[in-house]
């Protein structure tokens, strides 16, 4: 019930972000590449998932 802001300190990955929906299931997710020093914003009630795409541990 609040927006979120993330800063990637190290590593890289993929952000999956689906817009909020008043239906039972969220919309189709969009994919965004994230990497060290990336900053991204998650709007209120949007469904999201971060996926590590490298062998290093990510720090977000």
PDB file of N, CA and C in Angstrom:
ATOM      1  N   UNK A   1       0.813  -1.195   0.000  1.00  0.00           N
ATOM      2  CA  UNK A   1       0.000   0.000   0.000  1.00  0.00           C
ATOM      3  C   UNK A   1       0.858   1.262   0.000  1.00  0.00           C
ATOM      4  N   UNK A   2       2.115   1.147  -0.448  1.00  0.00           N
ATOM      5  CA  UNK A   2       2.960   2.336  -0.601  1.00  0.00           C
ATOM      6  C   UNK A   2       3.907   2.112  -1.779  1.00  0.00           C
ATOM      7  N   UNK A   3       4.389   3.205  -2.351  1.00  0.00           N
ATOM      8  CA  UNK A   3       5.354   3.066  -3.431  1.00  0.00           C
ATOM      9  C   UNK A   3       6.720   2.725  -2.846  1.00  0.00           C
ATOM     10  N   UNK A   4       7.591   2.148  -3.686  1.00  0.00           N
ATOM     11  CA  UNK A   4       8.917   1.742  -3.240  1.00  0.00           C
ATOM     12  C   UNK A   4       9.967   2.266  -4.212  1.00  0.00           C
ATOM     13  N   UNK A   5      11.151   2.564  -3.706  1.00  0.00           N
ATOM     14  CA  UNK A   5      12.292   2.956  -4.526  1.00  0.00           C
ATOM     15  C   UNK A   5      13.454   2.040  -4.156  1.00  0.00           C
ATOM     16  N   UNK A   6      14.112   1.466  -5.156  1.00  0.00           N
ATOM     17  CA  UNK A   6      15.239   0.565  -4.946  1.00  0.00           C
ATOM     18  C   UNK A   6      16.486   1.153  -5.588  1.00  0.00           C
ATOM     19  N   UNK A   7      17.634   0.913  -4.971  1.00  0.00           N
ATOM     20  CA  UNK A   7      18.940   1.248  -5.536  1.00  0.00           C
ATOM     21  C   UNK A   7      19.749  -0.043  -5.555  1.00  0.00           C
ATOM     22  N   UNK A   8      20.282  -0.407  -6.722  1.00  0.00           N
ATOM     23  CA  UNK A   8      21.101  -1.612  -6.844  1.00  0.00           C
ATOM     24  C   UNK A   8      22.538  -1.234  -6.504  1.00  0.00           C
ATOM     25  N   UNK A   9      23.061  -1.790  -5.430  1.00  0.00           N
ATOM     26  CA  UNK A   9      24.420  -1.473  -4.989  1.00  0.00           C
ATOM     27  C   UNK A   9      25.465  -2.290  -5.728  1.00  0.00           C
ATOM     28  N   UNK A  10      25.155  -3.558  -6.026  1.00  0.00           N
ATOM     29  CA  UNK A  10      26.068  -4.395  -6.803  1.00  0.00           C
ATOM     30  C   UNK A  10      25.277  -5.509  -7.452  1.00  0.00           C
ATOM     31  N   UNK A  11      25.867  -6.106  -8.497  1.00  0.00           N
ATOM     32  CA  UNK A  11      25.221  -7.201  -9.199  1.00  0.00           C
ATOM     33  C   UNK A  11      24.369  -6.714 -10.357  1.00  0.00           C
ATOM     34  N   UNK A  12      23.634  -7.647 -10.952  1.00  0.00           N
ATOM     35  CA  UNK A  12      22.735  -7.328 -12.055  1.00  0.00           C
ATOM     36  C   UNK A  12      21.592  -8.327 -12.044  1.00  0.00           C
ATOM     37  N   UNK A  13      20.552  -8.004 -12.767  1.00  0.00           N
ATOM     38  CA  UNK A  13      19.412  -8.899 -12.797  1.00  0.00           C
ATOM     39  C   UNK A  13      18.309  -8.371 -13.680  1.00  0.00           C
ATOM     40  N   UNK A  14      17.130  -8.904 -13.469  1.00  0.00           N
ATOM     41  CA  UNK A  14      15.946  -8.513 -14.222  1.00  0.00           C
ATOM     42  C   UNK A  14      14.850  -8.144 -13.244  1.00  0.00           C
ATOM     43  N   UNK A  15      14.194  -7.036 -13.524  1.00  0.00           N
ATOM     44  CA  UNK A  15      13.019  -6.616 -12.769  1.00  0.00           C
ATOM     45  C   UNK A  15      11.803  -6.976 -13.599  1.00  0.00           C
ATOM     46  N   UNK A  16      10.877  -7.715 -13.026  1.00  0.00           N
ATOM     47  CA  UNK A  16       9.590  -8.006 -13.656  1.00  0.00           C
ATOM     48  C   UNK A  16       8.560  -7.136 -12.959  1.00  0.00           C
ATOM     49  N   UNK A  17       7.853  -6.315 -13.736  1.00  0.00           N
ATOM     50  CA  UNK A  17       6.914  -5.352 -13.177  1.00  0.00           C
ATOM     51  C   UNK A  17       5.594  -5.442 -13.922  1.00  0.00           C
ATOM     52  N   UNK A  18       4.516  -5.729 -13.189  1.00  0.00           N
ATOM     53  CA  UNK A  18       3.173  -5.807 -13.772  1.00  0.00           C
ATOM     54  C   UNK A  18       2.310  -4.725 -13.142  1.00  0.00           C
ATOM     55  N   UNK A  19       1.541  -4.013 -13.957  1.00  0.00           N
ATOM     56  CA  UNK A  19       0.685  -2.964 -13.402  1.00  0.00           C
ATOM     57  C   UNK A  19      -0.371  -3.546 -12.482  1.00  0.00           C
ATOM     58  N   UNK A  20      -0.784  -2.733 -11.531  1.00  0.00           N
ATOM     59  CA  UNK A  20      -1.831  -3.181 -10.614  1.00  0.00           C
ATOM     60  C   UNK A  20      -3.126  -3.378 -11.384  1.00  0.00           C
ATOM     61  N   UNK A  21      -3.957  -4.197 -10.862  1.00  0.00           N
ATOM     62  CA  UNK A  21      -5.219  -4.506 -11.513  1.00  0.00           C
ATOM     63  C   UNK A  21      -6.263  -4.749 -10.439  1.00  0.00           C
ATOM     64  N   UNK A  22      -7.467  -4.357 -10.734  1.00  0.00           N
ATOM     65  CA  UNK A  22      -8.545  -4.608  -9.781  1.00  0.00           C
ATOM     66  C   UNK A  22      -9.128  -6.010  -9.961  1.00  0.00           C
ATOM     67  N   UNK A  23      -8.640  -6.717 -10.998  1.00  0.00           N
ATOM     68  CA  UNK A  23      -9.087  -8.093 -11.182  1.00  0.00           C
ATOM     69  C   UNK A  23      -8.264  -9.010 -10.284  1.00  0.00           C
ATOM     70  N   UNK A  24      -8.559 -10.291 -10.349  1.00  0.00           N
ATOM     71  CA  UNK A  24      -7.898 -11.261  -9.480  1.00  0.00           C
ATOM     72  C   UNK A  24      -6.405 -11.404  -9.788  1.00  0.00           C
ATOM     73  N   UNK A  25      -6.012 -11.235 -11.062  1.00  0.00           N
ATOM     74  CA  UNK A  25      -4.627 -11.441 -11.476  1.00  0.00           C
ATOM     75  C   UNK A  25      -4.053 -10.155 -12.059  1.00  0.00           C
ATOM     76  N   UNK A  26      -2.748  -9.893 -11.844  1.00  0.00           N
ATOM     77  CA  UNK A  26      -2.128  -8.688 -12.419  1.00  0.00           C
ATOM     78  C   UNK A  26      -1.980  -8.818 -13.930  1.00  0.00           C
ATOM     79  N   UNK A  27      -1.672  -7.707 -14.592  1.00  0.00           N
ATOM     80  CA  UNK A  27      -1.427  -7.728 -16.031  1.00  0.00           C
ATOM     81  C   UNK A  27      -0.125  -8.433 -16.366  1.00  0.00           C
ATOM     82  N   UNK A  28       0.162  -8.542 -17.666  1.00  0.00           N
ATOM     83  CA  UNK A  28       1.394  -9.193 -18.118  1.00  0.00           C
ATOM     84  C   UNK A  28       2.601  -8.357 -17.686  1.00  0.00           C
ATOM     85  N   UNK A  29       3.617  -8.978 -17.076  1.00  0.00           N
ATOM     86  CA  UNK A  29       4.770  -8.206 -16.592  1.00  0.00           C
ATOM     87  C   UNK A  29       5.682  -7.737 -17.728  1.00  0.00           C
ATOM     88  N   UNK A  30       6.294  -6.584 -17.519  1.00  0.00           N
ATOM     89  CA  UNK A  30       7.335  -6.078 -18.398  1.00  0.00           C
ATOM     90  C   UNK A  30       8.673  -6.438 -17.768  1.00  0.00           C
ATOM     91  N   UNK A  31       9.700  -6.633 -18.604  1.00  0.00           N
ATOM     92  CA  UNK A  31      11.041  -6.961 -18.115  1.00  0.00           C
ATOM     93  C   UNK A  31      11.953  -5.749 -18.264  1.00  0.00           C
ATOM     94  N   UNK A  32      12.736  -5.470 -17.215  1.00  0.00           N
ATOM     95  CA  UNK A  32      13.706  -4.385 -17.234  1.00  0.00           C
ATOM     96  C   UNK A  32      15.033  -4.921 -16.718  1.00  0.00           C
ATOM     97  N   UNK A  33      16.114  -4.633 -17.426  1.00  0.00           N
ATOM     98  CA  UNK A  33      17.447  -5.009 -16.951  1.00  0.00           C
ATOM     99  C   UNK A  33      17.861  -4.046 -15.854  1.00  0.00           C
ATOM    100  N   UNK A  34      18.403  -4.589 -14.780  1.00  0.00           N
ATOM    101  CA  UNK A  34      18.925  -3.758 -13.696  1.00  0.00           C
ATOM    102  C   UNK A  34      20.387  -4.127 -13.489  1.00  0.00           C
ATOM    103  N   UNK A  35      21.167  -3.172 -13.023  1.00  0.00           N
ATOM    104  CA  UNK A  35      22.599  -3.377 -12.852  1.00  0.00           C
ATOM    105  C   UNK A  35      23.094  -2.438 -11.773  1.00  0.00           C
ATOM    106  N   UNK A  36      24.344  -2.589 -11.406  1.00  0.00           N
ATOM    107  CA  UNK A  36      24.938  -1.777 -10.350  1.00  0.00           C
ATOM    108  C   UNK A  36      24.699  -0.294 -10.616  1.00  0.00           C
ATOM    109  N   UNK A  37      24.301   0.428  -9.584  1.00  0.00           N
ATOM    110  CA  UNK A  37      23.984   1.857  -9.619  1.00  0.00           C
ATOM    111  C   UNK A  37      22.648   2.182 -10.284  1.00  0.00           C
ATOM    112  N   UNK A  38      21.823   1.176 -10.588  1.00  0.00           N
ATOM    113  CA  UNK A  38      20.468   1.434 -11.096  1.00  0.00           C
ATOM    114  C   UNK A  38      19.573   1.885  -9.954  1.00  0.00           C
ATOM    115  N   UNK A  39      18.636   2.738 -10.271  1.00  0.00           N
ATOM    116  CA  UNK A  39      17.593   3.141  -9.332  1.00  0.00           C
ATOM    117  C   UNK A  39      16.264   2.936 -10.039  1.00  0.00           C
ATOM    118  N   UNK A  40      15.294   2.344  -9.357  1.00  0.00           N
ATOM    119  CA  UNK A  40      13.983   2.176  -9.979  1.00  0.00           C
ATOM    120  C   UNK A  40      12.881   2.343  -8.953  1.00  0.00           C
ATOM    121  N   UNK A  41      11.717   2.651  -9.460  1.00  0.00           N
ATOM    122  CA  UNK A  41      10.544   3.001  -8.661  1.00  0.00           C
ATOM    123  C   UNK A  41       9.442   1.972  -8.919  1.00  0.00           C
ATOM    124  N   UNK A  42       8.806   1.499  -7.861  1.00  0.00           N
ATOM    125  CA  UNK A  42       7.667   0.586  -7.969  1.00  0.00           C
ATOM    126  C   UNK A  42       6.427   1.351  -7.517  1.00  0.00           C
ATOM    127  N   UNK A  43       5.473   1.591  -8.422  1.00  0.00           N
ATOM    128  CA  UNK A  43       4.247   2.296  -8.034  1.00  0.00           C
ATOM    129  C   UNK A  43       3.421   1.501  -7.018  1.00  0.00           C
ATOM    130  N   UNK A  44       2.526   2.182  -6.355  1.00  0.00           N
ATOM    131  CA  UNK A  44       1.643   1.568  -5.353  1.00  0.00           C
ATOM    132  C   UNK A  44       0.880   0.400  -5.980  1.00  0.00           C
ATOM    133  N   UNK A  45       0.887  -0.732  -5.296  1.00  0.00           N
ATOM    134  CA  UNK A  45       0.137  -1.942  -5.659  1.00  0.00           C
ATOM    135  C   UNK A  45       0.577  -2.621  -6.954  1.00  0.00           C
ATOM    136  N   UNK A  46       1.696  -2.215  -7.561  1.00  0.00           N
ATOM    137  CA  UNK A  46       2.178  -2.925  -8.743  1.00  0.00           C
ATOM    138  C   UNK A  46       2.912  -4.190  -8.297  1.00  0.00           C
ATOM    139  N   UNK A  47       2.672  -5.272  -9.001  1.00  0.00           N
ATOM    140  CA  UNK A  47       3.295  -6.559  -8.683  1.00  0.00           C
ATOM    141  C   UNK A  47       4.707  -6.546  -9.261  1.00  0.00           C
ATOM    142  N   UNK A  48       5.704  -6.977  -8.461  1.00  0.00           N
ATOM    143  CA  UNK A  48       7.079  -6.947  -8.942  1.00  0.00           C
ATOM    144  C   UNK A  48       7.879  -8.120  -8.395  1.00  0.00           C
ATOM    145  N   UNK A  49       8.941  -8.459  -9.150  1.00  0.00           N
ATOM    146  CA  UNK A  49       9.855  -9.524  -8.744  1.00  0.00           C
ATOM    147  C   UNK A  49      11.242  -9.174  -9.275  1.00  0.00           C
ATOM    148  N   UNK A  50      12.261  -9.395  -8.468  1.00  0.00           N
ATOM    149  CA  UNK A  50      13.649  -9.212  -8.884  1.00  0.00           C
ATOM    150  C   UNK A  50      14.277 -10.586  -9.080  1.00  0.00           C
ATOM    151  N   UNK A  51      15.003 -10.750 -10.167  1.00  0.00           N
ATOM    152  CA  UNK A  51      15.622 -12.030 -10.485  1.00  0.00           C
ATOM    153  C   UNK A  51      17.108 -11.805 -10.734  1.00  0.00           C
ATOM    154  N   UNK A  52      17.963 -12.477  -9.965  1.00  0.00           N
ATOM    155  CA  UNK A  52      19.413 -12.378 -10.117  1.00  0.00           C
ATOM    156  C   UNK A  52      19.825 -13.136 -11.374  1.00  0.00           C
ATOM    157  N   UNK A  53      20.549 -12.474 -12.290  1.00  0.00           N
ATOM    158  CA  UNK A  53      20.951 -13.124 -13.539  1.00  0.00           C
ATOM    159  C   UNK A  53      22.456 -13.365 -13.623  1.00  0.00           C
ATOM    160  N   UNK A  54      23.150 -13.265 -12.495  1.00  0.00           N
ATOM    161  CA  UNK A  54      24.587 -13.536 -12.519  1.00  0.00           C
ATOM    162  C   UNK A  54      24.957 -14.399 -11.322  1.00  0.00           C
ATOM    163  N   UNK A  55      26.225 -14.754 -11.250  1.00  0.00           N
ATOM    164  CA  UNK A  55      26.684 -15.640 -10.181  1.00  0.00           C
ATOM    165  C   UNK A  55      26.963 -14.907  -8.875  1.00  0.00           C
ATOM    166  N   UNK A  56      27.097 -13.581  -8.943  1.00  0.00           N
ATOM    167  CA  UNK A  56      27.353 -12.790  -7.741  1.00  0.00           C
ATOM    168  C   UNK A  56      26.069 -12.596  -6.946  1.00  0.00           C
ATOM    169  N   UNK A  57      26.247 -12.320  -5.679  1.00  0.00           N
ATOM    170  CA  UNK A  57      25.104 -11.964  -4.852  1.00  0.00           C
ATOM    171  C   UNK A  57      24.748 -10.511  -5.140  1.00  0.00           C
ATOM    172  N   UNK A  58      23.470 -10.245  -5.379  1.00  0.00           N
ATOM    173  CA  UNK A  58      23.023  -8.873  -5.601  1.00  0.00           C
ATOM    174  C   UNK A  58      22.853  -8.164  -4.270  1.00  0.00           C
ATOM    175  N   UNK A  59      23.001  -6.863  -4.286  1.00  0.00           N
ATOM    176  CA  UNK A  59      22.730  -6.030  -3.116  1.00  0.00           C
ATOM    177  C   UNK A  59      21.813  -4.909  -3.577  1.00  0.00           C
ATOM    178  N   UNK A  60      20.567  -4.966  -3.115  1.00  0.00           N
ATOM    179  CA  UNK A  60      19.562  -3.973  -3.509  1.00  0.00           C
ATOM    180  C   UNK A  60      19.118  -3.225  -2.284  1.00  0.00           C
TER     181      UNK A  60
END
